[in-house]
Protein backbone atom coordinates (compact mmCIF):
# COMPACT_ATOMS: atom_id res chain seq x y z
CA MET A 1 99.66 78.19 93.07
CA PHE A 2 98.55 74.66 93.83
CA ALA A 3 101.43 73.32 91.73
CA LYS A 4 103.61 74.06 94.77
CA SER A 5 101.73 71.41 96.76
CA THR A 6 103.76 69.06 98.85
CA GLU A 7 102.92 65.55 99.92
CA ALA A 8 101.43 66.99 103.11
CA GLY A 9 99.12 69.28 101.12
CA ALA A 10 99.09 72.81 99.80
CA GLN A 11 101.30 75.43 101.41
CA TRP A 12 98.44 77.33 103.01
CA THR A 13 100.58 80.26 104.08
CA ASP A 14 101.44 80.96 100.44
CA VAL A 15 97.82 80.50 99.36
CA SER A 16 96.60 82.83 102.12
CA ALA A 17 99.19 85.48 101.29
CA ALA A 18 98.34 85.38 97.59
CA THR A 19 94.62 85.63 98.36
CA LEU A 20 95.22 88.67 100.56
CA ILE A 21 97.43 90.32 97.93
CA VAL A 22 94.75 89.83 95.26
CA THR A 23 91.69 90.82 97.30
CA ALA A 24 93.07 93.69 99.40
CA PRO A 25 93.40 96.25 96.55
CA MET A 26 89.87 95.48 95.33
CA LEU A 27 88.43 95.84 98.83
CA ILE A 28 90.32 99.08 99.47
CA GLY A 29 89.19 100.45 96.10
CA PHE A 30 85.58 99.59 96.84
CA LEU A 31 85.72 101.21 100.27
CA VAL A 32 87.30 104.38 98.87
CA PHE A 33 84.83 104.70 95.98
CA GLN A 34 81.76 103.21 97.69
CA ARG A 35 79.69 106.40 97.42
CA GLN A 36 80.40 106.70 93.70
CA PHE A 37 79.46 103.04 93.11
CA ILE A 38 76.18 103.37 94.98
CA SER A 39 75.21 106.67 93.36
CA SER A 40 75.99 105.35 89.87
CA PHE A 41 73.75 102.34 90.50
CA MET A 42 70.96 104.62 91.71
CA HIS A 43 71.26 106.90 88.68
CA SER A 44 71.36 104.03 86.19
CA GLY A 45 67.85 102.91 87.09
CA ILE A 46 68.69 99.47 88.46
CA LYS A 47 65.95 98.42 90.83
CA GLY A 48 66.80 95.97 93.55
């Protein structure tokens, strides 16, 4: 990603787009399965 840097610096539009592409599916998955994540933590006995 940073190998595409120019003399003026990194191409921040490409970096931002790649970051969104990587993080969006994880965020959507968490939001969809949030109840299952929380209930599995509660049933596993993790105290926090």
